[in-house]
Amino acid sequence: MKRTSCDIRAANRYEMLRRIIAASPTSRQEPAAATGRSPAPVATLAGEPPGLRAIAEAGSEDPADGRPRGLVAVDAPGGALIGVGVAGTYVRVELFAPALDVPARAGEDMRPGGSRPEQVAGQVATAVGSVVARAGVEGARVPGPSE
């Protein structure tokens, strides 16, 4: 399958987020160096509108080898991520808060004969709606692949 520039940007964004979450707080340079990219995508993440922001500025550090570096960290009220698992016999959905805790889960067993794409998509949509409602997260605070 051919990847579009939008797919590549989304993959880069989520890789940066994953690294920042794992090492929070961290300098902008550390996740950039670990992924072979410039610090610019980290700055972009930190500059998103507050309702969609996943990371925020978190002060600075004064390394012994140079000038102070700005730190970024997970912006706890900044949003949530949703993971979807689809198998031959079930659909499972989990909502992850930025600190990677799981405030809500939902799942359904596949109904016999219910594995047509539109049926599975309906089950996924229902489960996503359920976890968003249970976690008390506004739907707009769950970033989608187009962001």
C-alpha atoms as a PDB file:
ATOM      1  CA  MET A   1       0.000   0.000   0.000  1.00  0.00           C
ATOM      2  CA  LYS A   2       1.364   3.411  -0.979  1.00  0.00           C
ATOM      3  CA  ARG A   3       1.759   5.909   1.862  1.00  0.00           C
ATOM      4  CA  THR A   4       0.748   9.519   1.347  1.00  0.00           C
ATOM      5  CA  SER A   5       2.517  12.541   2.803  1.00  0.00           C
ATOM      6  CA  CYS A   6      -0.358  12.793   5.297  1.00  0.00           C
ATOM      7  CA  ASP A   7       0.294   9.171   6.385  1.00  0.00           C
ATOM      8  CA  ILE A   8       4.000   9.922   6.827  1.00  0.00           C
ATOM      9  CA  ARG A   9       3.298  13.090   8.858  1.00  0.00           C
ATOM     10  CA  ALA A  10       0.866  11.191  11.103  1.00  0.00           C
ATOM     11  CA  ALA A  11       3.357   8.350  11.630  1.00  0.00           C
ATOM     12  CA  ASN A  12       6.116  10.856  12.465  1.00  0.00           C
ATOM     13  CA  ARG A  13       3.808  12.701  14.861  1.00  0.00           C
ATOM     14  CA  TYR A  14       2.858   9.554  16.751  1.00  0.00           C
ATOM     15  CA  GLU A  15       6.472   8.367  16.922  1.00  0.00           C
ATOM     16  CA  MET A  16       7.492  11.711  18.434  1.00  0.00           C
ATOM     17  CA  LEU A  17       4.578  11.545  20.893  1.00  0.00           C
ATOM     18  CA  ARG A  18       5.492   7.996  21.883  1.00  0.00           C
ATOM     19  CA  ARG A  19       9.065   9.003  22.632  1.00  0.00           C
ATOM     20  CA  ILE A  20       8.058  12.128  24.542  1.00  0.00           C
ATOM     21  CA  ILE A  21       5.537  10.178  26.633  1.00  0.00           C
ATOM     22  CA  ALA A  22       8.156   7.538  27.435  1.00  0.00           C
ATOM     23  CA  ALA A  23      10.774  10.087  28.578  1.00  0.00           C
ATOM     24  CA  SER A  24       8.595  12.963  29.831  1.00  0.00           C
ATOM     25  CA  PRO A  25       9.898  15.547  30.562  1.00  0.00           C
ATOM     26  CA  THR A  26      12.541  15.615  27.861  1.00  0.00           C
ATOM     27  CA  SER A  27      14.340  18.135  25.702  1.00  0.00           C
ATOM     28  CA  ARG A  28      13.128  18.692  22.157  1.00  0.00           C
ATOM     29  CA  GLN A  29      16.454  17.423  20.883  1.00  0.00           C
ATOM     30  CA  GLU A  30      16.265  13.961  22.483  1.00  0.00           C
ATOM     31  CA  PRO A  31      13.207  12.545  20.651  1.00  0.00           C
ATOM     32  CA  ALA A  32      14.344  14.255  17.463  1.00  0.00           C
ATOM     33  CA  ALA A  33      17.791  12.652  17.648  1.00  0.00           C
ATOM     34  CA  ALA A  34      16.318   9.245  18.518  1.00  0.00           C
ATOM     35  CA  THR A  35      14.095   9.340  15.429  1.00  0.00           C
ATOM     36  CA  GLY A  36      16.614  10.950  13.088  1.00  0.00           C
ATOM     37  CA  ARG A  37      14.465  14.040  12.612  1.00  0.00           C
ATOM     38  CA  SER A  38      14.846  17.707  13.428  1.00  0.00           C
ATOM     39  CA  PRO A  39      13.371  19.226  16.617  1.00  0.00           C
ATOM     40  CA  ALA A  40      10.802  21.102  14.474  1.00  0.00           C
ATOM     41  CA  PRO A  41       8.054  18.421  14.765  1.00  0.00           C
ATOM     42  CA  VAL A  42       8.365  18.605  18.563  1.00  0.00           C
ATOM     43  CA  ALA A  43       7.887  22.373  18.393  1.00  0.00           C
ATOM     44  CA  THR A  44       4.838  21.825  16.203  1.00  0.00           C
ATOM     45  CA  LEU A  45       3.335  19.430  18.762  1.00  0.00           C
ATOM     46  CA  ALA A  46       3.947  21.894  21.586  1.00  0.00           C
ATOM     47  CA  GLY A  47       2.409  24.715  19.545  1.00  0.00           C
ATOM     48  CA  GLU A  48      -0.919  23.007  18.830  1.00  0.00           C
ATOM     49  CA  PRO A  49      -4.100  24.653  20.109  1.00  0.00           C
ATOM     50  CA  PRO A  50      -4.557  23.957  23.843  1.00  0.00           C
ATOM     51  CA  GLY A  51      -7.628  21.749  23.347  1.00  0.00           C
ATOM     52  CA  LEU A  52      -5.702  19.412  21.026  1.00  0.00           C
ATOM     53  CA  ARG A  53      -2.220  19.729  22.477  1.00  0.00           C
ATOM     54  CA  ALA A  54      -0.616  16.483  23.601  1.00  0.00           C
ATOM     55  CA  ILE A  55       2.570  18.048  24.974  1.00  0.00           C
ATOM     56  CA  ALA A  56       3.462  21.368  26.547  1.00  0.00           C
ATOM     57  CA  GLU A  57       6.537  23.370  27.473  1.00  0.00           C
ATOM     58  CA  ALA A  58       7.918  22.158  30.821  1.00  0.00           C
ATOM     59  CA  GLY A  59      10.689  24.544  31.772  1.00  0.00           C
ATOM     60  CA  SER A  60      14.320  24.177  30.816  1.00  0.00           C
ATOM     61  CA  GLU A  61      17.507  22.398  31.771  1.00  0.00           C
ATOM     62  CA  ASP A  62      21.036  23.780  31.974  1.00  0.00           C
ATOM     63  CA  PRO A  63      23.342  21.082  30.627  1.00  0.00           C
ATOM     64  CA  ALA A  64      27.013  21.332  31.549  1.00  0.00           C
ATOM     65  CA  ASP A  65      27.994  21.226  27.879  1.00  0.00           C
ATOM     66  CA  GLY A  66      26.092  24.215  26.488  1.00  0.00           C
ATOM     67  CA  ARG A  67      23.164  26.604  26.533  1.00  0.00           C
ATOM     68  CA  PRO A  68      19.860  25.875  28.283  1.00  0.00           C
ATOM     69  CA  ARG A  69      17.441  23.551  26.478  1.00  0.00           C
ATOM     70  CA  GLY A  70      13.682  23.825  26.568  1.00  0.00           C
ATOM     71  CA  LEU A  71      11.868  20.798  27.965  1.00  0.00           C
ATOM     72  CA  VAL A  72       8.562  19.346  26.837  1.00  0.00           C
ATOM     73  CA  ALA A  73       6.285  16.996  28.743  1.00  0.00           C
ATOM     74  CA  VAL A  74       2.948  15.267  28.387  1.00  0.00           C
ATOM     75  CA  ASP A  75       0.125  17.792  28.683  1.00  0.00           C
ATOM     76  CA  ALA A  76      -2.205  15.675  30.832  1.00  0.00           C
ATOM     77  CA  PRO A  77      -5.403  17.573  30.052  1.00  0.00           C
ATOM     78  CA  GLY A  78      -4.383  17.836  26.394  1.00  0.00           C
ATOM     79  CA  GLY A  79      -6.227  14.893  24.897  1.00  0.00           C
ATOM     80  CA  ALA A  80      -6.432  11.148  24.631  1.00  0.00           C
ATOM     81  CA  LEU A  81      -5.568   8.359  22.231  1.00  0.00           C
ATOM     82  CA  ILE A  82      -7.731   5.427  21.210  1.00  0.00           C
ATOM     83  CA  GLY A  83      -6.459   1.976  20.344  1.00  0.00           C
ATOM     84  CA  VAL A  84      -8.639  -0.396  18.326  1.00  0.00           C
ATOM     85  CA  GLY A  85      -8.099  -4.127  17.993  1.00  0.00           C
ATOM     86  CA  VAL A  86     -10.115  -6.132  15.482  1.00  0.00           C
ATOM     87  CA  ALA A  87      -9.797  -9.898  15.272  1.00  0.00           C
ATOM     88  CA  GLY A  88     -11.882 -12.626  13.703  1.00  0.00           C
ATOM     89  CA  THR A  89     -13.957 -13.048  16.847  1.00  0.00           C
ATOM     90  CA  TYR A  90     -13.955  -9.675  18.642  1.00  0.00           C
ATOM     91  CA  VAL A  91     -13.549  -5.896  18.582  1.00  0.00           C
ATOM     92  CA  ARG A  92     -11.690  -4.242  21.497  1.00  0.00           C
ATOM     93  CA  VAL A  93     -11.202  -0.519  22.075  1.00  0.00           C
ATOM     94  CA  GLU A  94      -9.173   1.260  24.772  1.00  0.00           C
ATOM     95  CA  LEU A  95      -8.863   4.958  25.481  1.00  0.00           C
ATOM     96  CA  PHE A  96      -5.428   6.028  26.728  1.00  0.00           C
ATOM     97  CA  ALA A  97      -4.876   9.226  28.648  1.00  0.00           C
ATOM     98  CA  PRO A  98      -1.569  11.007  27.884  1.00  0.00           C
ATOM     99  CA  ALA A  99       0.133   9.404  30.894  1.00  0.00           C
ATOM    100  CA  LEU A 100      -0.756   6.044  29.260  1.00  0.00           C
ATOM    101  CA  ASP A 101      -3.272   5.019  31.889  1.00  0.00           C
ATOM    102  CA  VAL A 102      -6.455   3.415  30.522  1.00  0.00           C
ATOM    103  CA  PRO A 103      -9.548   5.134  31.918  1.00  0.00           C
ATOM    104  CA  ALA A 104     -11.982   3.226  29.676  1.00  0.00           C
ATOM    105  CA  ARG A 105     -12.245  -0.042  27.718  1.00  0.00           C
ATOM    106  CA  ALA A 106     -14.981  -1.568  25.598  1.00  0.00           C
ATOM    107  CA  GLY A 107     -15.298  -4.727  23.594  1.00  0.00           C
ATOM    108  CA  GLU A 108     -17.765  -6.868  21.760  1.00  0.00           C
ATOM    109  CA  ASP A 109     -17.632 -10.364  20.455  1.00  0.00           C
ATOM    110  CA  MET A 110     -18.234 -10.650  16.724  1.00  0.00           C
ATOM    111  CA  ARG A 111     -21.685 -11.842  15.954  1.00  0.00           C
ATOM    112  CA  PRO A 112     -21.846 -14.954  13.760  1.00  0.00           C
ATOM    113  CA  GLY A 113     -22.009 -13.731  10.181  1.00  0.00           C
ATOM    114  CA  GLY A 114     -21.310 -10.202  11.389  1.00  0.00           C
ATOM    115  CA  SER A 115     -17.874  -9.741   9.938  1.00  0.00           C
ATOM    116  CA  ARG A 116     -18.751  -7.709   6.855  1.00  0.00           C
ATOM    117  CA  PRO A 117     -16.720  -4.477   6.767  1.00  0.00           C
ATOM    118  CA  GLU A 118     -19.703  -2.208   7.408  1.00  0.00           C
ATOM    119  CA  GLN A 119     -20.755  -4.325  10.399  1.00  0.00           C
ATOM    120  CA  VAL A 120     -17.266  -4.306  11.903  1.00  0.00           C
ATOM    121  CA  ALA A 121     -16.990  -0.543  11.307  1.00  0.00           C
ATOM    122  CA  GLY A 122     -20.288  -0.097  13.131  1.00  0.00           C
ATOM    123  CA  GLN A 123     -19.049  -2.137  16.097  1.00  0.00           C
ATOM    124  CA  VAL A 124     -15.822  -0.120  16.207  1.00  0.00           C
ATOM    125  CA  ALA A 125     -17.748   3.180  16.072  1.00  0.00           C
ATOM    126  CA  THR A 126     -20.060   2.043  18.881  1.00  0.00           C
ATOM    127  CA  ALA A 127     -17.130   0.936  21.056  1.00  0.00           C
ATOM    128  CA  VAL A 128     -15.221   4.191  20.414  1.00  0.00           C
ATOM    129  CA  GLY A 129     -18.296   6.213  21.385  1.00  0.00           C
ATOM    130  CA  SER A 130     -18.645   4.117  24.515  1.00  0.00           C
ATOM    131  CA  VAL A 131     -15.067   4.630  25.741  1.00  0.00           C
ATOM    132  CA  VAL A 132     -15.154   8.361  24.983  1.00  0.00           C
ATOM    133  CA  ALA A 133     -18.395   8.707  26.984  1.00  0.00           C
ATOM    134  CA  ARG A 134     -17.173   6.522  29.881  1.00  0.00           C
ATOM    135  CA  ALA A 135     -13.885   8.399  30.172  1.00  0.00           C
ATOM    136  CA  GLY A 136     -15.672  11.757  30.066  1.00  0.00           C
ATOM    137  CA  VAL A 137     -13.437  13.010  27.249  1.00  0.00           C
ATOM    138  CA  GLU A 138     -14.749  15.410  24.645  1.00  0.00           C
ATOM    139  CA  GLY A 139     -14.607  13.752  21.223  1.00  0.00           C
ATOM    140  CA  ALA A 140     -12.734  16.769  19.858  1.00  0.00           C
ATOM    141  CA  ARG A 141      -9.861  16.027  22.267  1.00  0.00           C
ATOM    142  CA  VAL A 142      -9.148  12.676  20.618  1.00  0.00           C
ATOM    143  CA  PRO A 143      -6.811  13.500  17.720  1.00  0.00           C
ATOM    144  CA  GLY A 144      -7.570  11.740  14.462  1.00  0.00           C
ATOM    145  CA  PRO A 145      -5.271  10.632  11.662  1.00  0.00           C
ATOM    146  CA  SER A 146      -5.807  13.873   9.739  1.00  0.00           C
ATOM    147  CA  GLU A 147      -4.227  15.998  12.493  1.00  0.00           C
END
